[in-house]
């Protein structure tokens, strides 16, 4: 194996993680003249971001924890089809994280977290257009609405906090009655009586292919991709960092940990603890159904999303807290299929394929970005929860500017590693 040798000018970096955050960060750093090597056990872009619903929304700026949510959590946990599940063996580990999560639901904290989210998300559409402009794959990004569909028309309320946050930030939002909703999305069940339609959105028609496109761009810009599992990291006695895999050392002047849910495992031996949990998400896809959606649609009651992909209809959602390497839970898959049939009666007994991935989630719905205090040359960019696809381009810009000392680190204060 040919090893990357640390450059005297310090403009070389190893990125652990070839997910959407790592790939976008690599492109930013390559464009700044860095020598970049990405190491990941999986193929580029085929982790958590591969399985999401493809929504690219400048208005997904509402944190997961909201006022009054504590009242709903027990019923969600007891409902086999509910949006949240916790493995019994995982409950003890979840106690402290869950408490901190619910505390983030205070209104003042929600508004603060929302502004931090907006700083990472508001420009996601033009930034993706820039990333794709020279790839020949601009068709991956399409204009779309984001339709929040409700069975109880009273629940479709524009005065609720989550919609007010969006409106105050400039979102174009409209309430549709049942007739308008059916004209917009004829395949949707007539059980849905109203919708909140968020405009000015986009959607990705194949998140997995986006990962491949960006990986190709990394290589065209001169970056290296190594498909190996990193065992550990440690400071190099000569300065810089060593990344170990296959019993070998890969030295570099700078190191960026962007390994999603596996990031905390790499940092723990360095004495760094991160309040982050494994939030497993599922999707099922219907490759053969003769049905088309015009927009991304969320079942606002059950918190899952349907979106049209290149390979068919995708139903994505649920939050299951369990070990990263636990086998897929067939009950969650069956539940998602059940909900899909309630949302789209024409699905019938259509065949579907299932997928499960792991989101890295912190209690405030914000990632960890920036330098690691006391460990020169070590940087982090992980923990983007449900928002990694939307936050990736701007997160990459900020971490690259942090590495090159182009911004004041105080600008990343909301995303500091040790905030909990």
Protein backbone atom coordinates (compact mmCIF):
# COMPACT_ATOMS: atom_id res chain seq x y z
CA UNK A 1 0.00 0.00 0.00
CA UNK A 2 1.34 3.43 -0.89
CA UNK A 3 0.94 5.74 2.08
CA UNK A 4 0.14 9.42 2.03
CA UNK A 5 3.08 11.33 3.46
CA UNK A 6 2.27 14.38 5.55
CA UNK A 7 3.17 17.54 3.64
CA UNK A 8 5.48 20.12 5.23
CA UNK A 9 2.90 22.86 4.61
CA UNK A 10 0.21 20.94 6.53
CA UNK A 11 -2.20 21.02 3.59
CA UNK A 12 -2.95 17.33 3.56
CA UNK A 13 -5.81 15.62 5.34
CA UNK A 14 -7.32 12.20 5.93
CA UNK A 15 -11.12 12.13 6.13
CA UNK A 16 -12.65 9.16 7.92
CA UNK A 17 -16.06 8.65 6.38
CA UNK A 18 -17.21 8.59 2.75
CA UNK A 19 -20.78 9.59 3.49
CA UNK A 20 -22.35 12.75 2.15
CA UNK A 21 -20.62 14.93 4.79
CA UNK A 22 -17.18 13.46 4.12
CA UNK A 23 -17.56 13.66 0.34
CA UNK A 24 -18.70 17.29 0.35
CA UNK A 25 -15.90 18.19 2.79
CA UNK A 26 -13.36 16.48 0.54
CA UNK A 27 -14.52 18.49 -2.48
CA UNK A 28 -14.27 21.77 -0.55
CA UNK A 29 -10.75 20.96 0.67
CA UNK A 30 -9.56 19.73 -2.72
CA UNK A 31 -10.75 22.99 -4.24
CA UNK A 32 -8.64 24.79 -1.63
CA UNK A 33 -5.54 22.91 -2.74
CA UNK A 34 -5.44 20.21 -0.09
CA UNK A 35 -4.21 16.67 -0.64
CA UNK A 36 -7.18 14.56 0.46
CA UNK A 37 -7.58 10.88 1.28
CA UNK A 38 -10.95 9.43 2.34
CA UNK A 39 -11.09 6.14 4.25
CA UNK A 40 -14.32 4.22 4.83
CA UNK A 41 -15.28 0.58 5.20
CA UNK A 42 -18.30 1.09 2.91
CA UNK A 43 -18.63 2.29 -0.66
CA UNK A 44 -18.90 6.09 -0.96
CA UNK A 45 -22.30 7.56 -0.18
CA UNK A 46 -23.92 4.23 0.66
CA UNK A 47 -24.46 4.73 4.40
CA UNK A 48 -27.17 6.68 6.22
CA UNK A 49 -27.70 9.23 3.44
CA UNK A 50 -28.28 6.47 0.88
CA UNK A 51 -31.58 5.57 2.49
CA UNK A 52 -33.21 8.91 3.15
CA UNK A 53 -36.27 10.40 1.49
CA UNK A 54 -34.26 12.73 -0.75
CA UNK A 55 -35.82 15.96 0.53
CA UNK A 56 -33.71 19.08 -0.09
CA UNK A 57 -35.58 21.70 1.87
CA UNK A 58 -34.36 25.15 2.94
CA UNK A 59 -37.21 25.10 5.44
CA UNK A 60 -36.39 21.89 7.34
CA UNK A 61 -35.27 24.10 10.20
CA UNK A 62 -37.50 22.72 12.96
CA UNK A 63 -35.68 20.61 15.58
CA UNK A 64 -36.95 17.14 16.47
CA UNK A 65 -37.72 18.09 20.08
CA UNK A 66 -40.67 20.49 20.40
CA UNK A 67 -42.78 21.86 23.28
CA UNK A 68 -45.21 19.28 24.63
CA UNK A 69 -43.57 16.35 22.87
CA UNK A 70 -43.07 14.59 26.20
CA UNK A 71 -46.84 14.00 26.28
CA UNK A 72 -46.75 12.12 22.96
CA UNK A 73 -43.68 9.93 23.48
CA UNK A 74 -45.34 7.25 25.67
CA UNK A 75 -48.14 6.60 23.15
CA UNK A 76 -45.63 6.55 20.28
CA UNK A 77 -43.54 3.94 22.08
CA UNK A 78 -46.59 1.77 22.81
CA UNK A 79 -47.89 1.91 19.22
CA UNK A 80 -46.36 -0.88 17.05
CA UNK A 81 -46.76 1.46 14.06
CA UNK A 82 -45.58 4.53 15.92
CA UNK A 83 -42.77 6.78 14.69
CA UNK A 84 -40.43 5.96 17.60
CA UNK A 85 -39.20 2.63 18.97
CA UNK A 86 -36.58 1.78 21.57
CA UNK A 87 -35.13 -1.70 21.90
CA UNK A 88 -35.69 -2.97 25.48
CA UNK A 89 -31.96 -3.63 25.87
CA UNK A 90 -31.27 -0.04 24.84
CA UNK A 91 -33.59 1.71 27.31
CA UNK A 92 -31.00 2.14 30.10
CA UNK A 93 -28.55 3.74 27.70
CA UNK A 94 -31.25 6.09 26.38
CA UNK A 95 -32.29 7.58 29.73
CA UNK A 96 -29.84 10.49 29.95
CA UNK A 97 -29.93 11.26 26.20
CA UNK A 98 -33.72 11.17 26.23
CA UNK A 99 -33.90 13.60 29.15
CA UNK A 100 -31.60 16.04 27.41
CA UNK A 101 -33.63 15.63 24.22
CA UNK A 102 -36.88 16.57 25.94
CA UNK A 103 -35.21 19.57 27.63
CA UNK A 104 -34.33 20.85 24.18
CA UNK A 105 -38.08 21.14 23.55
CA UNK A 106 -38.42 24.36 25.58
CA UNK A 107 -39.63 27.10 23.28
CA UNK A 108 -36.63 29.40 23.73
CA UNK A 109 -34.27 26.50 23.05
CA UNK A 110 -36.28 25.40 19.98
CA UNK A 111 -36.01 28.88 18.48
CA UNK A 112 -32.26 29.01 19.19
CA UNK A 113 -31.65 25.56 17.70
CA UNK A 114 -33.78 26.44 14.70
CA UNK A 115 -31.61 29.44 13.86
CA UNK A 116 -28.49 27.27 14.06
CA UNK A 117 -30.14 24.72 11.76
CA UNK A 118 -31.12 27.47 9.32
CA UNK A 119 -27.49 28.61 9.07
CA UNK A 120 -26.61 25.15 7.71
CA UNK A 121 -29.69 24.53 5.57
CA UNK A 122 -30.96 27.76 4.01
CA UNK A 123 -28.70 27.58 0.92
CA UNK A 124 -28.90 23.81 0.36
CA UNK A 125 -30.56 24.00 -3.09
CA UNK A 126 -28.11 26.40 -4.80
CA UNK A 127 -25.17 24.64 -3.13
CA UNK A 128 -26.26 21.29 -4.58
CA UNK A 129 -26.77 22.92 -7.95
CA UNK A 130 -23.15 24.08 -7.76
CA UNK A 131 -21.91 20.64 -6.71
CA UNK A 132 -23.74 18.96 -9.61
CA UNK A 133 -23.15 21.65 -12.25
CA UNK A 134 -20.11 20.01 -13.85
CA UNK A 135 -21.02 16.35 -13.29
CA UNK A 136 -23.56 15.67 -16.02
CA UNK A 137 -25.98 14.53 -13.28
CA UNK A 138 -27.95 17.71 -12.73
CA UNK A 139 -31.11 15.65 -13.25
CA UNK A 140 -30.66 14.21 -9.75
CA UNK A 141 -32.11 17.42 -8.28
CA UNK A 142 -35.68 18.37 -9.15
CA UNK A 143 -38.06 21.10 -8.04
CA UNK A 144 -40.68 19.90 -5.61
CA UNK A 145 -43.15 20.83 -2.91
CA UNK A 146 -43.05 19.24 0.54
CA UNK A 147 -46.60 18.16 1.38
CA UNK A 148 -47.50 17.55 5.03
CA UNK A 149 -50.74 15.58 4.81
CA UNK A 150 -53.22 15.38 7.73
CA UNK A 151 -56.19 13.12 8.34
CA UNK A 152 -57.68 15.57 10.85
CA UNK A 153 -58.08 18.88 9.06
CA UNK A 154 -57.87 20.79 12.36
CA UNK A 155 -54.29 19.55 12.77
CA UNK A 156 -53.25 21.32 9.56
CA UNK A 157 -52.74 24.55 11.41
CA UNK A 158 -50.45 27.28 10.08
CA UNK A 159 -50.35 28.95 13.50
CA UNK A 160 -48.51 26.00 15.10
CA UNK A 161 -44.95 26.67 16.24
CA UNK A 162 -43.23 24.54 13.59
CA UNK A 163 -44.93 26.33 10.69
CA UNK A 164 -44.55 29.74 12.32
CA UNK A 165 -40.79 29.14 12.55
CA UNK A 166 -40.69 28.42 8.82
CA UNK A 167 -42.89 31.39 7.91
CA UNK A 168 -40.80 33.80 10.01
CA UNK A 169 -37.74 32.60 8.11
CA UNK A 170 -39.35 33.34 4.75
CA UNK A 171 -40.94 30.06 3.69
CA UNK A 172 -43.77 30.11 1.16
CA UNK A 173 -46.42 27.93 2.82
CA UNK A 174 -50.05 27.32 1.92
CA UNK A 175 -52.86 25.31 3.47
CA UNK A 176 -54.74 22.99 1.08
CA UNK A 177 -58.16 21.48 1.70
CA UNK A 178 -58.93 17.88 0.79
CA UNK A 179 -60.03 18.67 -2.77
CA UNK A 180 -56.91 20.71 -3.49
CA UNK A 181 -54.75 17.95 -2.01
CA UNK A 182 -56.29 15.29 -4.23
CA UNK A 183 -55.71 17.46 -7.30
CA UNK A 184 -52.08 17.86 -6.29
CA UNK A 185 -51.51 14.17 -5.42
CA UNK A 186 -54.24 11.91 -6.86
CA UNK A 187 -52.64 8.70 -5.52
CA UNK A 188 -52.98 9.79 -1.90
CA UNK A 189 -55.69 8.19 0.25
CA UNK A 190 -58.92 10.17 0.63
CA UNK A 191 -58.48 9.70 4.40
CA UNK A 192 -56.27 12.80 4.28
CA UNK A 193 -58.49 15.83 4.78
CA UNK A 194 -55.99 18.69 4.51
CA UNK A 195 -52.34 19.51 4.00
CA UNK A 196 -49.73 22.13 4.64
CA UNK A 197 -47.77 22.60 1.41
CA UNK A 198 -44.26 24.01 1.72
CA UNK A 199 -43.03 25.45 -1.57
CA UNK A 200 -39.57 26.35 -2.84
CA UNK A 201 -38.22 22.85 -2.24
CA UNK A 202 -36.27 20.31 -4.23
CA UNK A 203 -35.84 16.54 -4.07
CA UNK A 204 -33.15 14.06 -4.99
CA UNK A 205 -34.32 11.21 -7.15
CA UNK A 206 -31.49 8.88 -6.13
CA UNK A 207 -29.46 9.70 -2.98
CA UNK A 208 -27.23 6.67 -3.54
CA UNK A 209 -26.31 7.80 -7.05
CA UNK A 210 -25.55 11.25 -5.67
CA UNK A 211 -22.92 9.63 -3.46
CA UNK A 212 -21.35 7.94 -6.48
CA UNK A 213 -21.38 11.18 -8.47
CA UNK A 214 -19.67 13.11 -5.67
CA UNK A 215 -17.13 10.32 -5.15
CA UNK A 216 -16.26 10.54 -8.85
CA UNK A 217 -15.85 14.29 -8.47
CA UNK A 218 -13.48 13.77 -5.53
CA UNK A 219 -11.30 11.51 -7.67
CA UNK A 220 -11.39 13.88 -10.66
CA UNK A 221 -10.13 16.63 -8.37
CA UNK A 222 -7.24 14.41 -7.28
CA UNK A 223 -8.60 12.90 -4.08
CA UNK A 224 -8.00 9.29 -3.05
CA UNK A 225 -10.62 6.82 -1.81
CA UNK A 226 -9.61 3.84 0.33
CA UNK A 227 -12.24 1.24 1.24
CA UNK A 228 -11.00 -0.10 4.58
CA UNK A 229 -12.29 -0.10 8.15
CA UNK A 230 -10.42 2.29 10.42
CA UNK A 231 -9.48 0.65 13.71
CA UNK A 232 -8.25 3.68 15.63
CA UNK A 233 -6.62 7.09 15.38
CA UNK A 234 -3.88 8.71 17.42
CA UNK A 235 -1.56 11.72 17.35
CA UNK A 236 1.67 11.17 15.44
CA UNK A 237 4.89 11.63 17.44
CA UNK A 238 6.19 13.83 14.61
CA UNK A 239 3.06 15.98 14.53
CA UNK A 240 -0.14 15.32 12.67
CA UNK A 241 -2.24 12.18 12.98
CA UNK A 242 -2.07 8.48 12.28
CA UNK A 243 -5.10 6.59 11.00
CA UNK A 244 -4.80 2.80 11.42
CA UNK A 245 -6.39 0.09 9.29
CA UNK A 246 -5.24 -3.41 8.31
CA UNK A 247 -2.47 -3.06 10.88
CA UNK A 248 -0.94 -0.17 8.92
CA UNK A 249 -0.61 3.52 9.62
CA UNK A 250 -1.77 6.29 7.29
CA UNK A 251 -0.13 9.57 8.44
CA UNK A 252 -1.45 13.03 7.60
CA UNK A 253 -1.06 16.56 8.91
CA UNK A 254 -4.81 16.95 9.53
CA UNK A 255 -7.56 14.46 10.33
CA UNK A 256 -11.31 14.92 9.93
CA UNK A 257 -13.61 12.48 11.71
CA UNK A 258 -16.79 12.31 9.66
CA UNK A 259 -17.84 8.72 10.25
CA UNK A 260 -21.46 9.31 11.22
CA UNK A 261 -22.69 7.05 14.01
CA UNK A 262 -19.23 5.46 14.28
CA UNK A 263 -17.48 8.77 15.03
CA UNK A 264 -17.94 8.59 18.80
CA UNK A 265 -16.28 5.15 18.85
CA UNK A 266 -13.16 6.59 17.21
CA UNK A 267 -12.99 9.53 19.61
CA UNK A 268 -13.63 7.62 22.85
CA UNK A 269 -10.06 6.23 23.20
CA UNK A 270 -8.85 9.85 23.10
CA UNK A 271 -10.93 10.61 26.20
CA UNK A 272 -13.67 12.37 24.23
CA UNK A 273 -17.29 11.56 25.06
CA UNK A 274 -20.10 12.64 22.76
CA UNK A 275 -23.78 12.64 23.76
CA UNK A 276 -24.89 10.98 20.53
CA UNK A 277 -27.17 8.00 20.02
CA UNK A 278 -27.85 5.54 17.23
CA UNK A 279 -31.15 6.43 15.56
CA UNK A 280 -31.88 3.72 13.04
CA UNK A 281 -34.05 4.65 10.08
CA UNK A 282 -35.83 2.32 7.66
CA UNK A 283 -37.11 2.61 4.15
CA UNK A 284 -39.04 0.33 1.86
CA UNK A 285 -39.10 0.79 -1.91
CA UNK A 286 -41.64 -0.35 -4.49
CA UNK A 287 -39.83 -0.77 -7.81
CA UNK A 288 -42.77 -2.04 -9.86
CA UNK A 289 -45.82 0.04 -8.89
CA UNK A 290 -47.62 1.98 -11.61
CA UNK A 291 -48.01 5.10 -9.53
CA UNK A 292 -46.33 8.50 -9.62
CA UNK A 293 -45.99 11.16 -6.94
CA UNK A 294 -45.50 14.75 -7.96
CA UNK A 295 -43.90 15.86 -4.68
CA UNK A 296 -42.47 14.56 -1.43
CA UNK A 297 -45.30 13.75 0.99
CA UNK A 298 -45.11 13.34 4.75
CA UNK A 299 -47.80 11.54 6.69
CA UNK A 300 -47.91 14.22 9.39
CA UNK A 301 -49.60 11.89 11.87
CA UNK A 302 -47.14 8.99 11.67
CA UNK A 303 -44.00 10.96 10.68
CA UNK A 304 -42.83 9.11 7.57
CA UNK A 305 -42.23 10.36 4.04
CA UNK A 306 -43.08 9.08 0.57
CA UNK A 307 -41.06 10.22 -2.42
CA UNK A 308 -40.66 9.20 -6.04
CA UNK A 309 -37.20 7.84 -6.85
CA UNK A 310 -35.50 6.67 -10.04
CA UNK A 311 -36.00 3.09 -8.88
CA UNK A 312 -39.61 3.46 -7.76
CA UNK A 313 -41.62 4.71 -4.81
CA UNK A 314 -39.73 5.07 -1.53
CA UNK A 315 -41.35 5.15 1.92
CA UNK A 316 -38.84 6.34 4.52
CA UNK A 317 -39.07 7.01 8.20
CA UNK A 318 -39.25 5.77 11.78
CA UNK A 319 -36.73 6.32 14.55
CA UNK A 320 -35.53 3.14 16.23
CA UNK A 321 -32.94 3.40 18.98
CA UNK A 322 -30.79 0.28 19.16
CA UNK A 323 -27.24 -0.93 18.71
CA UNK A 324 -25.65 0.15 15.43
CA UNK A 325 -25.00 -3.41 14.35
CA UNK A 326 -28.32 -4.94 15.44
CA UNK A 327 -30.11 -6.87 12.68
CA UNK A 328 -33.08 -5.18 10.98
CA UNK A 329 -36.28 -5.35 12.98
CA UNK A 330 -38.90 -7.11 10.80
CA UNK A 331 -41.70 -5.51 12.83
CA UNK A 332 -40.53 -2.03 11.81
CA UNK A 333 -40.39 -3.09 8.16
CA UNK A 334 -43.86 -4.64 8.32
CA UNK A 335 -45.19 -1.56 10.11
CA UNK A 336 -43.84 0.75 7.46
CA UNK A 337 -45.46 -1.39 4.75
CA UNK A 338 -48.75 -1.27 6.64
CA UNK A 339 -48.59 2.51 6.87
CA UNK A 340 -47.68 2.78 3.20
CA UNK A 341 -50.82 0.85 2.24
CA UNK A 342 -52.94 3.17 4.35
CA UNK A 343 -51.37 6.17 2.65
CA UNK A 344 -51.63 4.75 -0.89
CA UNK A 345 -54.48 2.20 -1.23
CA UNK A 346 -53.43 1.33 -4.80
CA UNK A 347 -50.24 -0.30 -3.54
CA UNK A 348 -52.16 -3.42 -2.59
CA UNK A 349 -49.82 -6.40 -2.26
CA UNK A 350 -47.02 -4.93 -4.36
CA UNK A 351 -43.55 -6.31 -3.73
CA UNK A 352 -41.13 -4.10 -1.86
CA UNK A 353 -37.49 -4.09 -0.78
CA UNK A 354 -36.30 -2.90 2.62
CA UNK A 355 -33.25 -1.06 3.95
CA UNK A 356 -32.01 0.07 7.36
CA UNK A 357 -29.31 2.61 8.25
CA UNK A 358 -28.06 4.47 11.31
CA UNK A 359 -28.42 8.20 11.89
CA UNK A 360 -26.03 9.85 14.38
CA UNK A 361 -28.30 12.00 16.58
CA UNK A 362 -27.60 14.56 19.29
CA UNK A 363 -30.39 15.91 21.54
CA UNK A 364 -30.58 19.32 19.86
CA UNK A 365 -30.78 18.15 16.20
CA UNK A 366 -27.45 19.89 15.52
CA UNK A 367 -24.16 18.32 14.37
CA UNK A 368 -20.65 18.55 15.79
CA UNK A 369 -18.46 20.76 13.60
CA UNK A 370 -15.02 22.26 14.08
CA UNK A 371 -11.65 21.80 15.72
CA UNK A 372 -11.18 19.50 18.71
CA UNK A 373 -9.85 21.55 21.59
CA UNK A 374 -6.45 20.44 22.90
CA UNK A 375 -5.76 18.15 19.94
CA UNK A 376 -4.23 20.23 17.11
CA UNK A 377 -4.98 18.96 13.63
CA UNK A 378 -8.06 16.97 14.68
CA UNK A 379 -11.44 18.11 13.33
CA UNK A 380 -15.00 16.74 13.42
CA UNK A 381 -18.06 16.88 11.17
CA UNK A 382 -20.73 14.40 12.21
CA UNK A 383 -24.03 14.04 14.06
CA UNK A 384 -26.40 15.52 11.48
CA UNK A 385 -29.36 13.37 12.51
CA UNK A 386 -32.24 13.56 9.99
CA UNK A 387 -30.73 16.52 8.19
CA UNK A 388 -27.39 15.29 6.85
CA UNK A 389 -28.33 15.46 3.19
CA UNK A 390 -29.55 19.05 3.53
CA UNK A 391 -26.79 20.25 5.86
CA UNK A 392 -23.90 18.59 4.02
CA UNK A 393 -22.83 21.31 1.53
CA UNK A 394 -22.78 24.16 4.06
CA UNK A 395 -21.27 21.98 6.80
CA UNK A 396 -18.49 21.13 4.35
CA UNK A 397 -17.86 24.79 3.59
CA UNK A 398 -17.67 25.65 7.29
CA UNK A 399 -15.37 22.78 8.26
CA UNK A 400 -13.06 23.57 5.34
CA UNK A 401 -12.95 27.22 6.39
CA UNK A 402 -12.25 26.15 9.97
CA UNK A 403 -9.38 23.89 8.88
CA UNK A 404 -7.86 26.69 6.78
CA UNK A 405 -8.39 29.31 9.56
CA UNK A 406 -10.65 31.39 7.31
CA UNK A 407 -13.38 31.83 9.93
CA UNK A 408 -13.52 32.62 13.62
CA UNK A 409 -14.16 29.38 15.50
CA UNK A 410 -16.77 31.25 17.56
CA UNK A 411 -19.05 31.03 14.51
CA UNK A 412 -19.20 27.28 15.13
CA UNK A 413 -20.03 27.62 18.82
CA UNK A 414 -23.51 26.11 18.44
CA UNK A 415 -21.90 22.99 16.96
CA UNK A 416 -19.02 22.52 19.39
CA UNK A 417 -18.16 18.94 20.27
CA UNK A 418 -18.38 19.38 24.06
CA UNK A 419 -21.65 21.33 24.31
CA UNK A 420 -23.33 18.55 26.34
